[in-house]
Amino acid sequence: MKALTFQGEGDVKVMDVPKPSIAGSRDVLVRVTLGAVCGSDLHILHGHTPMNPGAVLGHEFVGVVDDVGPEVARFKPGDRVVSSFFTACGHCALCRKGWFNQCVDKGTFGHGEYFGGLGGGQAEYVVVPNADSTMEPIPDGMDDEQAIFVGDILSTGFFGAERAEIRPGDVVAVVGAGPVGLLATMSAQLFGPARTFVIDMVDSRLEIAQELGGIPINAKQTHPVEAIERATGGIGADSSIECVGLLSAVDTAIHAVRGGGTISMVGVPSAVGGEFPYMRMWLKSLTFRAGWCNVQKYMRPLLDLIAAGRLHPEKIISHRMKLDDAEEAYRIFDAREATKIVLSP
């Protein structure tokens, strides 16, 4: 089958690899109908995430069930499905508490041996272990482009907004208008904020943020914290959602909120450690929350919101390309010439 593979830092290649097959009784083989390129894929491309050469990339995908293991109860061949970007067993102590992202048997798709050795979704086929607690059926009438993002970035954006504790009438600051930031902006509107400021330095992304209900702040043109303070009578935002992961972006998210405010960080950290403003956090009674999304908790509700017309995540797609052109897709996504790219086999 065709798949996009990691060859080394800065080098990915579409090539023929063996078609995978189910090995475990809870596995499902999915024929991929749509994949996507994510910012986390760029961490791999740049060598920031450990990855073995030859591994298949991609963790955002939808498809059709091709084969199922004997213990799979929820799915059968022919079902259209969307997968979380990581697996969860559904029965360990942490899964039973509802924290699927802390599953003791977790593996991440398209991240190589270090993260569980699972194949990736930028391919024609992918095996999904623990399928009953990792995938959701796609509602009838819903397009692949609408469903695909519930497995990662839409759930992450909603997770960030929920943990920001947004209340009706609040002022929210979204730091970063990449795909996650845009979907955090979209999700934030469900909680009833009066204003949602969106900070970035790329005009095209800020234009989309404005279409999604955000108030754009170009950090190249104005100091974002000062701009928010001016707009709020010197107080600051009630909460912020950090969607970049750079330490400078985290600092902006912390300084943008008022006393008693909440910072919700969902950006993948750019460093293992760094300075943290403990005294500011203490003096201003701030709440800081961080973590990767608990995807399985949100997939079904978000699919229902999309089906009801309350969310339109497909609006952020800027490029629709073929898997054969995935190498070029990575190039233009890395160059910030694309907002979001989807790949069809």
Protein backbone atom coordinates (compact mmCIF):
# COMPACT_ATOMS: atom_id res chain seq x y z
CA MET A 1 0.00 0.00 0.00
CA LYS A 2 1.02 3.66 -0.35
CA ALA A 3 2.02 5.51 2.81
CA LEU A 4 3.97 8.57 3.89
CA THR A 5 7.04 7.49 5.85
CA PHE A 6 9.58 9.25 8.03
CA GLN A 7 13.11 8.95 6.64
CA GLY A 8 15.02 11.30 8.89
CA GLU A 9 14.97 14.86 10.16
CA GLY A 10 13.43 17.05 7.46
CA ASP A 11 12.79 14.09 5.16
CA VAL A 12 9.48 12.30 4.51
CA LYS A 13 8.68 10.09 1.54
CA VAL A 14 5.64 8.47 -0.04
CA MET A 15 6.46 4.84 -0.75
CA ASP A 16 5.03 1.34 -0.94
CA VAL A 17 4.95 -0.48 2.40
CA PRO A 18 3.32 -3.77 3.46
CA LYS A 19 -0.41 -3.55 4.05
CA PRO A 20 -1.08 -4.06 7.76
CA SER A 21 -3.43 -6.70 9.13
CA ILE A 22 -5.17 -7.20 12.44
CA ALA A 23 -3.15 -9.09 15.03
CA GLY A 24 -5.14 -8.62 18.24
CA SER A 25 -8.69 -9.70 19.00
CA ARG A 26 -9.73 -6.08 19.63
CA ASP A 27 -8.12 -4.73 16.45
CA VAL A 28 -9.90 -3.21 13.47
CA LEU A 29 -8.39 -2.70 10.02
CA VAL A 30 -9.53 0.61 8.52
CA ARG A 31 -9.33 1.59 4.87
CA VAL A 32 -8.44 5.26 5.11
CA THR A 33 -10.64 7.61 3.10
CA LEU A 34 -9.20 10.89 4.40
CA GLY A 35 -6.14 11.83 6.44
CA ALA A 36 -4.76 15.17 7.58
CA VAL A 37 -1.47 16.88 8.28
CA CYS A 38 -1.15 18.16 11.84
CA GLY A 39 1.22 20.52 13.61
CA SER A 40 2.40 17.55 15.69
CA ASP A 41 3.62 15.97 12.45
CA LEU A 42 5.96 18.92 12.07
CA HIS A 43 7.49 18.16 15.48
CA ILE A 44 8.45 14.79 14.01
CA LEU A 45 9.67 16.36 10.76
CA HIS A 46 11.94 18.73 12.67
CA GLY A 47 13.39 16.00 14.87
CA HIS A 48 11.74 17.18 18.10
CA THR A 49 9.87 13.89 18.53
CA PRO A 50 11.82 10.61 18.56
CA MET A 51 10.91 8.59 15.47
CA ASN A 52 12.32 5.51 13.79
CA PRO A 53 13.12 5.77 10.05
CA GLY A 54 10.57 4.04 7.85
CA ALA A 55 7.65 4.51 10.27
CA VAL A 56 4.32 5.53 8.72
CA LEU A 57 3.13 9.01 9.68
CA GLY A 58 -0.24 10.53 10.46
CA HIS A 59 -2.67 10.45 13.38
CA GLU A 60 -5.77 12.21 12.01
CA PHE A 61 -7.87 9.94 9.82
CA VAL A 62 -11.32 8.62 8.96
CA GLY A 63 -12.19 5.58 6.93
CA VAL A 64 -14.24 2.44 6.41
CA VAL A 65 -13.90 -0.71 8.49
CA ASP A 66 -12.32 -3.46 6.39
CA ASP A 67 -11.81 -6.24 8.96
CA VAL A 68 -12.47 -6.74 12.67
CA GLY A 69 -11.05 -8.92 15.43
CA PRO A 70 -13.30 -11.49 17.17
CA GLU A 71 -13.76 -9.39 20.34
CA VAL A 72 -14.78 -6.17 18.56
CA ALA A 73 -18.39 -5.42 19.52
CA ARG A 74 -19.18 -1.95 18.19
CA PHE A 75 -18.01 -2.14 14.58
CA LYS A 76 -18.42 -4.33 11.51
CA PRO A 77 -16.99 -4.23 7.98
CA GLY A 78 -18.43 -1.35 5.97
CA ASP A 79 -18.91 1.03 8.91
CA ARG A 80 -17.61 4.57 8.46
CA VAL A 81 -15.47 5.54 11.44
CA VAL A 82 -13.29 8.26 12.92
CA SER A 83 -10.46 7.41 15.29
CA SER A 84 -8.92 9.23 18.20
CA PHE A 85 -5.27 10.05 17.59
CA PHE A 86 -4.38 7.69 20.44
CA THR A 87 -5.74 4.38 21.64
CA ALA A 88 -7.35 3.68 25.01
CA CYS A 89 -8.21 0.30 26.44
CA GLY A 90 -11.42 1.49 28.10
CA HIS A 91 -11.08 -0.77 31.15
CA CYS A 92 -7.95 0.21 33.11
CA ALA A 93 -8.34 2.23 36.32
CA LEU A 94 -7.71 5.55 34.58
CA CYS A 95 -10.02 4.82 31.64
CA ARG A 96 -12.74 3.90 34.16
CA LYS A 97 -12.24 7.31 35.75
CA GLY A 98 -12.82 8.87 32.31
CA TRP A 99 -9.19 9.88 31.75
CA PHE A 100 -8.58 8.03 28.51
CA ASN A 101 -5.50 10.14 27.73
CA GLN A 102 -3.84 8.54 30.77
CA CYS A 103 -4.62 4.95 29.71
CA VAL A 104 -1.91 2.53 30.82
CA ASP A 105 -2.06 0.84 27.39
CA LYS A 106 -2.10 4.03 25.32
CA GLY A 107 -0.43 4.26 21.93
CA THR A 108 -0.29 7.16 19.49
CA PHE A 109 -0.82 6.68 15.76
CA GLY A 110 1.97 7.66 13.40
CA HIS A 111 4.54 8.38 16.11
CA GLY A 112 6.77 5.34 15.76
CA GLU A 113 8.17 2.87 18.26
CA TYR A 114 8.61 5.40 21.08
CA PHE A 115 4.85 6.04 21.29
CA GLY A 116 3.60 2.48 20.92
CA GLY A 117 4.71 1.42 17.45
CA LEU A 118 1.33 2.03 15.82
CA GLY A 119 1.02 2.66 12.09
CA GLY A 120 -0.08 6.04 10.81
CA GLY A 121 -3.16 7.30 8.99
CA GLN A 122 -1.35 9.03 6.12
CA ALA A 123 -1.68 5.72 4.32
CA GLU A 124 -4.22 3.59 2.52
CA TYR A 125 -4.82 1.31 5.52
CA VAL A 126 -4.24 1.48 9.29
CA VAL A 127 -4.85 -0.94 12.16
CA VAL A 128 -6.70 0.48 15.19
CA PRO A 129 -6.11 -1.48 18.42
CA ASN A 130 -8.72 -1.36 21.21
CA ALA A 131 -11.12 -0.17 18.53
CA ASP A 132 -14.27 -0.22 20.65
CA SER A 133 -12.87 2.49 22.92
CA THR A 134 -10.74 4.30 20.34
CA MET A 135 -13.15 4.94 17.43
CA GLU A 136 -16.63 6.37 16.90
CA PRO A 137 -19.07 5.72 14.05
CA ILE A 138 -19.62 8.66 11.71
CA PRO A 139 -23.30 9.71 11.53
CA ASP A 140 -25.13 9.14 8.28
CA GLY A 141 -24.92 12.14 5.97
CA MET A 142 -21.80 13.60 7.57
CA ASP A 143 -18.84 14.24 5.27
CA ASP A 144 -15.37 12.91 6.05
CA GLU A 145 -14.13 16.52 6.14
CA GLN A 146 -16.60 17.31 8.92
CA ALA A 147 -15.84 14.22 10.99
CA ILE A 148 -12.06 13.92 10.76
CA PHE A 149 -11.11 16.59 13.27
CA VAL A 150 -13.05 15.18 16.24
CA GLY A 151 -10.22 12.65 16.59
CA ASP A 152 -7.70 15.34 17.48
CA ILE A 153 -7.78 19.08 16.91
CA LEU A 154 -11.49 19.82 17.35
CA SER A 155 -11.57 17.78 20.54
CA THR A 156 -8.39 19.53 21.65
CA GLY A 157 -9.86 22.96 20.93
CA PHE A 158 -13.04 22.12 22.82
CA PHE A 159 -11.03 20.57 25.68
CA GLY A 160 -9.04 23.79 25.92
CA ALA A 161 -12.17 25.94 25.94
CA GLU A 162 -13.93 23.79 28.53
CA ARG A 163 -10.95 23.80 30.88
CA ALA A 164 -10.67 27.59 30.50
CA GLU A 165 -13.92 27.76 32.52
CA ILE A 166 -15.52 30.25 30.13
CA ARG A 167 -18.74 31.75 31.44
CA PRO A 168 -21.39 33.74 29.52
CA GLY A 169 -20.18 37.31 29.01
CA ASP A 170 -16.50 36.51 29.61
CA VAL A 171 -13.52 37.84 27.69
CA VAL A 172 -11.30 35.06 26.29
CA ALA A 173 -7.83 35.22 24.77
CA VAL A 174 -6.80 32.47 22.34
CA VAL A 175 -3.04 32.40 21.84
CA GLY A 176 -2.24 31.01 18.41
CA ALA A 177 -4.47 30.84 15.33
CA GLY A 178 -3.18 27.59 13.90
CA PRO A 179 -5.65 24.75 13.36
CA VAL A 180 -6.05 24.04 17.10
CA GLY A 181 -6.38 27.73 17.93
CA LEU A 182 -8.99 28.24 15.23
CA LEU A 183 -11.06 25.32 16.49
CA ALA A 184 -10.60 26.53 20.07
CA THR A 185 -12.00 29.87 18.88
CA MET A 186 -14.94 28.06 17.29
CA SER A 187 -15.52 25.92 20.38
CA ALA A 188 -15.26 28.85 22.76
CA GLN A 189 -18.36 30.41 21.20
CA LEU A 190 -20.44 27.51 22.55
CA PHE A 191 -19.77 28.77 26.10
CA GLY A 192 -21.15 32.27 25.48
CA PRO A 193 -18.20 34.67 25.80
CA ALA A 194 -18.80 38.32 25.03
CA ARG A 195 -15.47 38.66 23.22
CA THR A 196 -12.79 36.24 22.06
CA PHE A 197 -9.44 37.80 21.19
CA VAL A 198 -7.20 35.68 18.95
CA ILE A 199 -3.45 36.32 18.86
CA ASP A 200 -1.20 35.34 15.95
CA MET A 201 1.26 36.81 13.46
CA VAL A 202 -0.14 35.33 10.23
CA ASP A 203 -2.80 37.52 8.61
CA SER A 204 -4.49 34.68 6.72
CA ARG A 205 -5.03 32.75 9.94
CA LEU A 206 -6.35 35.83 11.74
CA GLU A 207 -8.84 36.40 8.92
CA ILE A 208 -10.25 32.90 9.47
CA ALA A 209 -10.31 33.50 13.23
CA GLN A 210 -12.44 36.58 12.63
CA GLU A 211 -14.85 34.56 10.50
CA LEU A 212 -15.18 32.11 13.40
CA GLY A 213 -16.14 34.81 15.91
CA GLY A 214 -12.71 35.97 17.06
CA ILE A 215 -11.28 39.48 17.36
CA PRO A 216 -7.85 39.35 15.68
CA ILE A 217 -4.70 40.72 17.29
CA ASN A 218 -1.59 40.67 15.13
CA ALA A 219 1.36 40.32 17.51
CA LYS A 220 3.67 41.76 14.84
CA GLN A 221 1.80 45.04 14.97
CA THR A 222 0.88 45.44 18.64
CA HIS A 223 1.76 43.97 22.01
CA PRO A 224 -1.06 41.46 22.52
CA VAL A 225 -1.25 41.72 26.32
CA GLU A 226 -1.37 45.51 26.16
CA ALA A 227 -4.04 45.35 23.44
CA ILE A 228 -6.25 43.12 25.58
CA GLU A 229 -5.72 45.30 28.63
CA ARG A 230 -6.72 48.40 26.64
CA ALA A 231 -9.86 46.65 25.47
CA THR A 232 -10.82 45.55 29.00
CA GLY A 233 -10.19 48.72 30.98
CA GLY A 234 -6.81 47.49 32.17
CA ILE A 235 -8.16 44.27 33.69
CA GLY A 236 -7.27 41.58 31.16
CA ALA A 237 -9.10 38.51 29.86
CA ASP A 238 -11.08 36.24 32.14
CA SER A 239 -9.33 33.22 30.67
CA SER A 240 -6.86 32.25 27.99
CA ILE A 241 -6.40 29.18 25.80
CA GLU A 242 -2.78 28.54 24.80
CA CYS A 243 -2.58 26.61 21.50
CA VAL A 244 1.06 26.91 20.45
CA GLY A 245 3.31 25.36 23.08
CA LEU A 246 6.20 27.81 22.75
CA LEU A 247 7.32 29.11 26.12
CA SER A 248 6.81 32.67 24.87
CA ALA A 249 3.21 31.83 23.96
CA VAL A 250 2.61 30.32 27.40
CA ASP A 251 3.99 33.52 28.93
CA THR A 252 1.57 35.57 26.83
CA ALA A 253 -1.34 33.36 27.92
CA ILE A 254 -0.43 33.87 31.59
CA HIS A 255 0.03 37.62 31.35
CA ALA A 256 -3.15 38.16 29.30
CA VAL A 257 -5.54 37.11 32.09
CA ARG A 258 -6.92 39.11 34.99
CA GLY A 259 -6.49 38.34 38.64
CA GLY A 260 -8.41 35.19 39.48
CA GLY A 261 -8.35 34.10 35.84
CA THR A 262 -7.71 30.73 34.24
CA ILE A 263 -5.05 29.65 31.75
CA SER A 264 -5.76 26.52 29.71
CA MET A 265 -2.70 25.21 27.86
CA VAL A 266 -3.22 22.62 25.12
CA GLY A 267 -0.23 23.47 22.91
CA VAL A 268 2.44 20.77 22.79
CA PRO A 269 5.33 22.12 24.92
CA SER A 270 8.39 23.20 22.96
CA ALA A 271 10.70 22.41 25.90
CA VAL A 272 10.85 19.83 28.67
CA GLY A 273 11.42 22.52 31.28
CA GLY A 274 11.57 26.28 31.63
CA GLU A 275 11.03 29.19 33.97
CA PHE A 276 7.56 29.50 35.49
CA PRO A 277 6.18 32.71 37.10
CA TYR A 278 5.28 31.17 40.45
CA MET A 279 5.02 34.50 42.28
CA ARG A 280 2.74 36.02 39.61
CA MET A 281 0.53 32.93 39.70
CA TRP A 282 0.30 33.20 43.49
CA LEU A 283 -0.19 36.95 43.74
CA LYS A 284 -2.91 37.00 41.05
CA SER A 285 -4.63 33.81 42.25
CA LEU A 286 -4.42 32.28 38.79
CA THR A 287 -5.45 28.77 37.76
CA PHE A 288 -3.15 27.00 35.29
CA ARG A 289 -4.30 23.87 33.49
CA ALA A 290 -2.33 21.92 30.92
CA GLY A 291 -2.48 18.62 29.11
CA TRP A 292 -3.20 16.78 25.93
CA CYS A 293 -6.81 16.23 25.06
CA ASN A 294 -8.93 13.53 26.63
CA VAL A 295 -10.28 12.83 23.12
CA GLN A 296 -12.54 9.82 23.71
CA LYS A 297 -14.69 11.85 26.12
CA TYR A 298 -15.52 14.42 23.45
CA MET A 299 -15.81 12.57 20.14
CA ARG A 300 -19.49 11.62 20.36
CA PRO A 301 -20.76 14.99 21.67
CA LEU A 302 -18.76 16.85 19.03
CA LEU A 303 -20.07 14.63 16.24
CA ASP A 304 -23.56 15.41 17.50
CA LEU A 305 -22.83 19.16 17.53
CA ILE A 306 -21.53 18.96 13.96
CA ALA A 307 -24.59 16.97 12.87
CA ALA A 308 -26.81 19.62 14.46
CA GLY A 309 -25.04 22.39 12.54
CA ARG A 310 -23.55 23.98 15.66
CA LEU A 311 -19.93 23.40 14.62
CA HIS A 312 -18.31 23.60 11.17
CA PRO A 313 -14.71 22.43 11.60
CA GLU A 314 -14.26 21.88 7.86
CA LYS A 315 -14.10 25.68 7.46
CA ILE A 316 -10.41 25.65 8.42
CA ILE A 317 -9.39 23.37 5.51
CA SER A 318 -7.31 25.35 3.03
CA HIS A 319 -5.84 22.55 0.87
CA ARG A 320 -7.22 19.25 -0.38
CA MET A 321 -4.45 17.07 -1.77
CA LYS A 322 -3.68 13.48 -2.72
CA LEU A 323 -1.59 11.15 -0.60
CA ASP A 324 0.83 10.97 -3.53
CA ASP A 325 1.51 14.67 -2.92
CA ALA A 326 2.04 14.38 0.83
CA GLU A 327 5.68 15.41 0.65
CA GLU A 328 4.64 18.72 -0.91
CA ALA A 329 1.82 18.99 1.65
CA TYR A 330 4.39 18.87 4.46
CA ARG A 331 6.50 21.51 2.74
CA ILE A 332 3.72 24.06 2.36
CA PHE A 333 2.30 23.34 5.81
CA ASP A 334 5.73 23.82 7.37
CA ALA A 335 6.10 27.09 5.44
CA ARG A 336 2.75 28.30 6.82
CA GLU A 337 1.37 28.51 3.31
CA ALA A 338 -1.60 26.36 4.38
CA THR A 339 -4.01 26.52 7.31
CA LYS A 340 -5.04 22.86 7.25
CA ILE A 341 -4.36 20.13 4.69
CA VAL A 342 -6.36 16.96 4.16
CA LEU A 343 -5.07 14.02 2.12
CA SER A 344 -7.12 11.51 0.17
CA PRO A 345 -5.58 8.17 -0.98
